[in-house]
């Protein structure tokens, strides 16, 4: 993603399920100075993001982040190292409830790979 697409991505990330108009994205994602100088700065980037499959468009022309597919597991469980995994498995306790999952970075990586 280039810088414009990244600004749009982080703005739309805060509005996960809602569709936002292109004009509103232009106003809010880049700041008011950028909107004053270039009112339609985000429209080419929005079209590129739709072509790449990052954004969904509704019939009214509003945009939102495309939700990840249902088979994409954002809660991947990874151990820090094989040695720690063996120590925890041999301890006899179940640590499946204590696993810390960082979901936000996994989701960012998913959209970055599109």
Protein backbone atom coordinates (compact mmCIF):
# COMPACT_ATOMS: atom_id res chain seq x y z
CA UNK A 1 0.00 0.00 0.00
CA UNK A 2 1.18 3.50 -0.69
CA UNK A 3 0.84 6.39 1.78
CA UNK A 4 -2.63 7.49 0.60
CA UNK A 5 -4.01 3.97 0.75
CA UNK A 6 -2.54 3.50 4.22
CA UNK A 7 -4.23 6.69 5.49
CA UNK A 8 -7.55 5.52 4.06
CA UNK A 9 -7.05 2.04 5.52
CA UNK A 10 -6.41 3.34 9.04
CA UNK A 11 -9.37 5.70 8.81
CA UNK A 12 -11.79 3.01 7.59
CA UNK A 13 -10.43 0.57 10.16
CA UNK A 14 -12.08 2.65 12.87
CA UNK A 15 -15.44 2.30 11.06
CA UNK A 16 -15.29 -1.46 10.55
CA UNK A 17 -18.88 -2.32 9.61
CA UNK A 18 -20.18 1.02 8.35
CA UNK A 19 -20.06 2.27 4.78
CA UNK A 20 -18.51 5.74 4.47
CA UNK A 21 -18.90 8.06 1.47
CA UNK A 22 -15.89 9.00 -0.65
CA UNK A 23 -16.37 12.64 0.25
CA UNK A 24 -16.26 11.84 3.96
CA UNK A 25 -13.10 9.79 3.47
CA UNK A 26 -11.52 12.74 1.63
CA UNK A 27 -12.52 15.10 4.46
CA UNK A 28 -11.48 13.03 7.42
CA UNK A 29 -8.65 10.71 6.38
CA UNK A 30 -6.14 13.29 5.22
CA UNK A 31 -6.94 16.21 7.45
CA UNK A 32 -8.64 19.49 6.73
CA UNK A 33 -5.68 21.18 5.05
CA UNK A 34 -5.30 18.39 2.56
CA UNK A 35 -9.04 18.44 1.90
CA UNK A 36 -8.94 22.23 1.39
CA UNK A 37 -6.08 21.96 -1.11
CA UNK A 38 -7.28 18.79 -2.90
CA UNK A 39 -10.95 17.95 -2.23
CA UNK A 40 -10.88 14.70 -4.24
CA UNK A 41 -7.46 13.38 -3.26
CA UNK A 42 -8.70 9.98 -2.01
CA UNK A 43 -10.87 8.92 -4.95
CA UNK A 44 -8.09 7.36 -7.10
CA UNK A 45 -6.73 5.51 -4.07
CA UNK A 46 -10.22 4.25 -3.18
CA UNK A 47 -10.66 2.85 -6.70
CA UNK A 48 -7.26 1.12 -6.52
CA UNK A 49 -8.18 -0.40 -3.17
CA UNK A 50 -11.48 -1.71 -4.58
CA UNK A 51 -9.64 -3.31 -7.51
CA UNK A 52 -7.18 -4.99 -5.15
CA UNK A 53 -10.04 -6.36 -3.01
CA UNK A 54 -9.34 -4.38 0.15
CA UNK A 55 -12.60 -2.40 0.11
CA UNK A 56 -16.28 -3.18 -0.44
CA UNK A 57 -18.59 -0.75 -2.24
CA UNK A 58 -22.34 -0.52 -1.70
CA UNK A 59 -24.78 0.54 -4.47
CA UNK A 60 -24.68 4.15 -3.27
CA UNK A 61 -20.89 4.33 -3.77
CA UNK A 62 -19.91 4.21 -0.11
CA UNK A 63 -16.82 2.28 1.03
CA UNK A 64 -15.80 0.04 3.91
CA UNK A 65 -13.04 -2.45 4.62
CA UNK A 66 -13.84 -5.86 3.22
CA UNK A 67 -14.19 -8.31 6.11
CA UNK A 68 -11.64 -11.14 6.07
CA UNK A 69 -12.95 -14.47 4.76
CA UNK A 70 -14.58 -16.77 7.28
CA UNK A 71 -11.94 -19.47 6.78
CA UNK A 72 -9.15 -17.00 7.63
CA UNK A 73 -8.22 -17.72 11.22
CA UNK A 74 -7.04 -14.53 12.84
CA UNK A 75 -6.44 -16.36 16.11
CA UNK A 76 -3.42 -18.38 15.07
CA UNK A 77 -1.70 -19.91 18.05
CA UNK A 78 2.04 -19.69 17.88
CA UNK A 79 4.60 -20.53 20.50
CA UNK A 80 7.57 -18.30 21.14
CA UNK A 81 9.95 -21.22 20.57
CA UNK A 82 9.76 -25.05 20.42
CA UNK A 83 11.60 -25.30 23.74
CA UNK A 84 8.97 -23.25 25.57
CA UNK A 85 6.22 -25.29 23.90
CA UNK A 86 7.78 -28.51 25.21
CA UNK A 87 8.18 -27.11 28.72
CA UNK A 88 4.54 -26.01 28.84
CA UNK A 89 3.25 -29.29 27.40
CA UNK A 90 5.30 -31.34 29.87
CA UNK A 91 4.08 -29.30 32.85
CA UNK A 92 0.69 -31.03 32.72
CA UNK A 93 -1.40 -27.85 32.76
CA UNK A 94 -3.63 -26.61 29.98
CA UNK A 95 -2.54 -23.18 28.81
CA UNK A 96 -4.97 -22.83 25.90
CA UNK A 97 -6.99 -20.17 27.76
CA UNK A 98 -3.88 -18.14 28.62
CA UNK A 99 -2.54 -17.69 25.11
CA UNK A 100 -2.11 -14.05 24.19
CA UNK A 101 -3.24 -13.34 20.65
CA UNK A 102 -2.47 -10.07 18.93
CA UNK A 103 -5.29 -9.79 16.43
CA UNK A 104 -4.76 -6.28 15.13
CA UNK A 105 -1.35 -6.89 13.57
CA UNK A 106 -2.54 -10.13 12.00
CA UNK A 107 -5.41 -8.26 10.38
CA UNK A 108 -3.07 -5.53 9.14
CA UNK A 109 -0.84 -8.17 7.60
CA UNK A 110 -3.86 -9.77 5.91
CA UNK A 111 -4.85 -6.50 4.22
CA UNK A 112 -1.22 -5.73 3.35
CA UNK A 113 -0.98 -9.01 1.41
CA UNK A 114 -4.01 -8.26 -0.75
